[in-house]
Amino acid sequence: MFLVAAAIAAVLSLGAGEASAQRIQNPNFTQPPAKDGYTYPDCYCTDSKGQRVEKGQKACLTIGSRRVLARCELSVNNPIWRPESEGCPGV
């Protein structure tokens, strides 16, 4: 069953193209309102100091010996850090 699902996902991704990737990474996307009686989960990122960072906000992260400016986003319903630039200008 898993192999069938993986094959279908692979075929569908072939036609996705660049427009689909841009739509997924669009920082201007807003979620539609939740249905009556339901709520969206409280999703946020955590910075290097353990502080809460809301979706769409940026933070300077230290990864090994590198400093990176990154934005908190969602990927497949999981909060992730998406790097924006090397270094942390103004920080």
N, C-alpha and C. Protein backbone atom coordinates (compact mmCIF):
# COMPACT_ATOMS: atom_id res chain seq x y z
N MET A 1 0.82 -1.19 0.00
CA MET A 1 0.00 0.00 0.00
C MET A 1 0.86 1.25 0.00
N PHE A 2 1.95 1.23 0.81
CA PHE A 2 2.84 2.38 0.87
C PHE A 2 3.48 2.66 -0.49
N LEU A 3 3.89 1.60 -1.20
CA LEU A 3 4.53 1.78 -2.50
C LEU A 3 3.57 2.39 -3.51
N VAL A 4 2.30 2.01 -3.45
CA VAL A 4 1.31 2.57 -4.36
C VAL A 4 1.14 4.06 -4.08
N ALA A 5 1.04 4.43 -2.81
CA ALA A 5 0.89 5.84 -2.44
C ALA A 5 2.12 6.63 -2.86
N ALA A 6 3.31 6.07 -2.68
CA ALA A 6 4.54 6.75 -3.07
C ALA A 6 4.59 6.94 -4.58
N ALA A 7 4.16 5.94 -5.34
CA ALA A 7 4.16 6.05 -6.80
C ALA A 7 3.18 7.12 -7.27
N ILE A 8 2.02 7.16 -6.66
CA ILE A 8 1.03 8.18 -7.03
C ILE A 8 1.56 9.57 -6.71
N ALA A 9 2.18 9.73 -5.55
CA ALA A 9 2.75 11.03 -5.17
C ALA A 9 3.84 11.45 -6.15
N ALA A 10 4.67 10.49 -6.58
CA ALA A 10 5.74 10.80 -7.52
C ALA A 10 5.18 11.25 -8.86
N VAL A 11 4.15 10.58 -9.35
CA VAL A 11 3.54 10.95 -10.64
C VAL A 11 2.90 12.33 -10.54
N LEU A 12 2.20 12.59 -9.46
CA LEU A 12 1.56 13.89 -9.30
C LEU A 12 2.57 15.01 -9.19
N SER A 13 3.71 14.75 -8.56
CA SER A 13 4.72 15.79 -8.40
C SER A 13 5.40 16.13 -9.72
N LEU A 14 5.39 15.21 -10.69
CA LEU A 14 6.01 15.49 -11.99
C LEU A 14 5.33 16.65 -12.69
N GLY A 15 4.03 16.77 -12.56
CA GLY A 15 3.31 17.84 -13.22
C GLY A 15 3.16 19.09 -12.38
N ALA A 16 3.69 19.06 -11.17
CA ALA A 16 3.50 20.19 -10.26
C ALA A 16 4.20 21.43 -10.77
N GLY A 17 5.44 21.30 -11.22
CA GLY A 17 6.17 22.40 -11.80
C GLY A 17 6.53 23.50 -10.82
N GLU A 18 7.08 24.58 -11.38
CA GLU A 18 7.57 25.69 -10.58
C GLU A 18 6.45 26.50 -9.95
N ALA A 19 5.31 26.63 -10.63
CA ALA A 19 4.21 27.41 -10.08
C ALA A 19 3.71 26.83 -8.78
N SER A 20 3.66 25.50 -8.69
CA SER A 20 3.22 24.85 -7.46
C SER A 20 4.19 25.12 -6.33
N ALA A 21 5.49 25.07 -6.60
CA ALA A 21 6.49 25.34 -5.57
C ALA A 21 6.37 26.77 -5.07
N GLN A 22 6.10 27.71 -5.96
CA GLN A 22 5.93 29.10 -5.53
C GLN A 22 4.69 29.26 -4.68
N ARG A 23 3.62 28.57 -5.01
CA ARG A 23 2.39 28.67 -4.24
C ARG A 23 2.59 28.13 -2.83
N ILE A 24 3.33 27.03 -2.69
CA ILE A 24 3.58 26.42 -1.39
C ILE A 24 4.41 27.34 -0.51
N GLN A 25 5.37 28.05 -1.07
CA GLN A 25 6.28 28.89 -0.30
C GLN A 25 5.81 30.33 -0.20
N ASN A 26 4.59 30.64 -0.62
CA ASN A 26 4.10 32.01 -0.61
C ASN A 26 3.88 32.49 0.82
N PRO A 27 4.68 33.48 1.28
CA PRO A 27 4.52 33.97 2.65
C PRO A 27 3.24 34.78 2.84
N ASN A 28 2.55 35.13 1.76
CA ASN A 28 1.32 35.93 1.86
C ASN A 28 0.08 35.06 2.00
N PHE A 29 0.24 33.75 2.03
CA PHE A 29 -0.89 32.84 2.15
C PHE A 29 -1.51 32.97 3.53
N THR A 30 -2.82 33.04 3.59
CA THR A 30 -3.53 33.03 4.87
C THR A 30 -4.49 31.86 4.88
N GLN A 31 -4.59 31.20 6.02
CA GLN A 31 -5.46 30.04 6.13
C GLN A 31 -6.92 30.49 6.06
N PRO A 32 -7.76 29.68 5.45
CA PRO A 32 -9.19 29.98 5.48
C PRO A 32 -9.71 29.80 6.91
N PRO A 33 -10.84 30.41 7.24
CA PRO A 33 -11.36 30.22 8.60
C PRO A 33 -11.68 28.75 8.86
N ALA A 34 -11.49 28.34 10.10
CA ALA A 34 -11.78 26.96 10.48
C ALA A 34 -13.29 26.74 10.46
N LYS A 35 -13.70 25.51 10.21
CA LYS A 35 -15.12 25.19 10.21
C LYS A 35 -15.70 25.37 11.61
N ASP A 36 -16.99 25.57 11.69
CA ASP A 36 -17.65 25.74 12.98
C ASP A 36 -17.35 24.56 13.89
N GLY A 37 -16.94 24.86 15.12
CA GLY A 37 -16.65 23.83 16.09
C GLY A 37 -15.23 23.30 16.04
N TYR A 38 -14.40 23.79 15.09
CA TYR A 38 -13.02 23.32 14.95
C TYR A 38 -12.07 24.51 15.04
N THR A 39 -10.82 24.23 15.43
CA THR A 39 -9.79 25.26 15.45
C THR A 39 -8.52 24.69 14.84
N TYR A 40 -7.66 25.58 14.37
CA TYR A 40 -6.35 25.16 13.87
C TYR A 40 -5.42 24.95 15.07
N PRO A 41 -4.47 24.03 14.97
CA PRO A 41 -3.52 23.85 16.07
C PRO A 41 -2.63 25.09 16.22
N ASP A 42 -2.13 25.30 17.42
CA ASP A 42 -1.26 26.42 17.72
C ASP A 42 0.15 26.07 17.24
N CYS A 43 0.56 26.56 16.06
CA CYS A 43 1.85 26.22 15.47
C CYS A 43 2.80 27.40 15.57
N TYR A 44 4.01 27.15 16.02
CA TYR A 44 5.03 28.18 16.14
C TYR A 44 6.39 27.52 16.11
N CYS A 45 7.45 28.32 15.95
CA CYS A 45 8.82 27.81 15.97
C CYS A 45 9.46 28.20 17.30
N THR A 46 10.60 27.60 17.58
CA THR A 46 11.37 27.93 18.77
C THR A 46 12.77 28.32 18.32
N ASP A 47 13.26 29.49 18.79
CA ASP A 47 14.57 29.95 18.35
C ASP A 47 15.68 29.29 19.17
N SER A 48 16.93 29.69 18.92
CA SER A 48 18.09 29.08 19.57
C SER A 48 18.08 29.25 21.08
N LYS A 49 17.37 30.26 21.57
CA LYS A 49 17.32 30.54 23.01
C LYS A 49 16.09 29.93 23.67
N GLY A 50 15.28 29.20 22.90
CA GLY A 50 14.09 28.57 23.45
C GLY A 50 12.87 29.48 23.46
N GLN A 51 12.96 30.64 22.82
CA GLN A 51 11.85 31.59 22.78
C GLN A 51 10.88 31.24 21.65
N ARG A 52 9.62 31.49 21.88
CA ARG A 52 8.58 31.23 20.88
C ARG A 52 8.65 32.28 19.77
N VAL A 53 8.58 31.83 18.52
CA VAL A 53 8.57 32.71 17.35
C VAL A 53 7.35 32.34 16.52
N GLU A 54 6.48 33.30 16.25
CA GLU A 54 5.24 33.05 15.51
C GLU A 54 5.52 32.84 14.02
N LYS A 55 4.60 32.14 13.34
CA LYS A 55 4.73 31.91 11.89
C LYS A 55 4.88 33.26 11.18
N GLY A 56 5.78 33.31 10.22
CA GLY A 56 6.00 34.51 9.43
C GLY A 56 7.06 35.43 10.00
N GLN A 57 7.41 35.28 11.27
CA GLN A 57 8.44 36.11 11.86
C GLN A 57 9.82 35.55 11.56
N LYS A 58 10.83 36.42 11.60
CA LYS A 58 12.21 36.02 11.33
C LYS A 58 13.01 36.04 12.62
N ALA A 59 14.07 35.23 12.64
CA ALA A 59 14.98 35.19 13.78
C ALA A 59 16.38 34.85 13.29
N CYS A 60 17.37 35.29 14.04
CA CYS A 60 18.75 34.95 13.74
C CYS A 60 19.08 33.67 14.48
N LEU A 61 19.49 32.64 13.74
CA LEU A 61 19.80 31.34 14.33
C LEU A 61 21.28 31.04 14.18
N THR A 62 21.85 30.38 15.16
CA THR A 62 23.23 29.91 15.08
C THR A 62 23.19 28.42 14.83
N ILE A 63 23.73 28.01 13.67
CA ILE A 63 23.76 26.60 13.29
C ILE A 63 25.22 26.21 13.15
N GLY A 64 25.74 25.51 14.14
CA GLY A 64 27.17 25.21 14.17
C GLY A 64 27.93 26.50 14.35
N SER A 65 28.77 26.84 13.39
CA SER A 65 29.52 28.10 13.45
C SER A 65 28.90 29.17 12.56
N ARG A 66 27.79 28.86 11.89
CA ARG A 66 27.14 29.82 10.98
C ARG A 66 26.02 30.56 11.69
N ARG A 67 25.80 31.81 11.28
CA ARG A 67 24.63 32.57 11.71
C ARG A 67 23.76 32.77 10.48
N VAL A 68 22.46 32.46 10.62
CA VAL A 68 21.53 32.48 9.49
C VAL A 68 20.27 33.24 9.90
N LEU A 69 19.79 34.10 9.01
CA LEU A 69 18.50 34.74 9.21
C LEU A 69 17.46 33.82 8.58
N ALA A 70 16.47 33.39 9.37
CA ALA A 70 15.48 32.43 8.90
C ALA A 70 14.08 32.87 9.27
N ARG A 71 13.09 32.40 8.49
CA ARG A 71 11.68 32.71 8.72
C ARG A 71 10.97 31.45 9.20
N CYS A 72 10.08 31.61 10.18
CA CYS A 72 9.28 30.50 10.69
C CYS A 72 8.11 30.27 9.74
N GLU A 73 7.99 29.05 9.21
CA GLU A 73 6.92 28.69 8.28
C GLU A 73 6.39 27.31 8.60
N LEU A 74 5.33 26.92 7.90
CA LEU A 74 4.79 25.57 8.02
C LEU A 74 5.14 24.76 6.79
N SER A 75 5.47 23.49 6.98
CA SER A 75 5.71 22.57 5.88
C SER A 75 5.03 21.26 6.26
N VAL A 76 4.03 20.88 5.50
CA VAL A 76 3.27 19.66 5.76
C VAL A 76 2.81 19.63 7.23
N ASN A 77 2.22 20.73 7.66
CA ASN A 77 1.67 20.88 9.01
C ASN A 77 2.71 20.82 10.12
N ASN A 78 3.97 21.08 9.81
CA ASN A 78 5.03 21.11 10.82
C ASN A 78 5.75 22.45 10.76
N PRO A 79 6.02 23.07 11.90
CA PRO A 79 6.78 24.33 11.87
C PRO A 79 8.23 24.05 11.49
N ILE A 80 8.77 24.88 10.59
CA ILE A 80 10.16 24.73 10.14
C ILE A 80 10.81 26.11 10.06
N TRP A 81 12.12 26.12 10.05
CA TRP A 81 12.89 27.33 9.78
C TRP A 81 13.33 27.29 8.33
N ARG A 82 12.97 28.31 7.55
CA ARG A 82 13.37 28.40 6.15
C ARG A 82 14.43 29.52 6.05
N PRO A 83 15.69 29.16 5.75
CA PRO A 83 16.76 30.18 5.69
C PRO A 83 16.46 31.25 4.66
N GLU A 84 16.73 32.50 5.04
CA GLU A 84 16.53 33.64 4.13
C GLU A 84 17.87 34.17 3.63
N SER A 85 18.86 34.27 4.54
CA SER A 85 20.17 34.79 4.13
C SER A 85 21.23 34.35 5.13
N GLU A 86 22.47 34.33 4.65
CA GLU A 86 23.60 34.06 5.53
C GLU A 86 23.88 35.30 6.36
N GLY A 87 24.27 35.10 7.58
CA GLY A 87 24.56 36.23 8.46
C GLY A 87 23.27 36.85 8.97
N CYS A 88 23.42 37.76 9.90
CA CYS A 88 22.24 38.41 10.50
C CYS A 88 22.46 39.92 10.45
N PRO A 89 22.09 40.56 9.35
CA PRO A 89 22.31 42.00 9.23
C PRO A 89 21.52 42.77 10.28
N GLY A 90 22.20 43.68 10.97
CA GLY A 90 21.53 44.52 11.95
C GLY A 90 21.26 43.83 13.27
N VAL A 91 21.75 42.59 13.44
CA VAL A 91 21.49 41.87 14.70
C VAL A 91 22.79 41.63 15.42
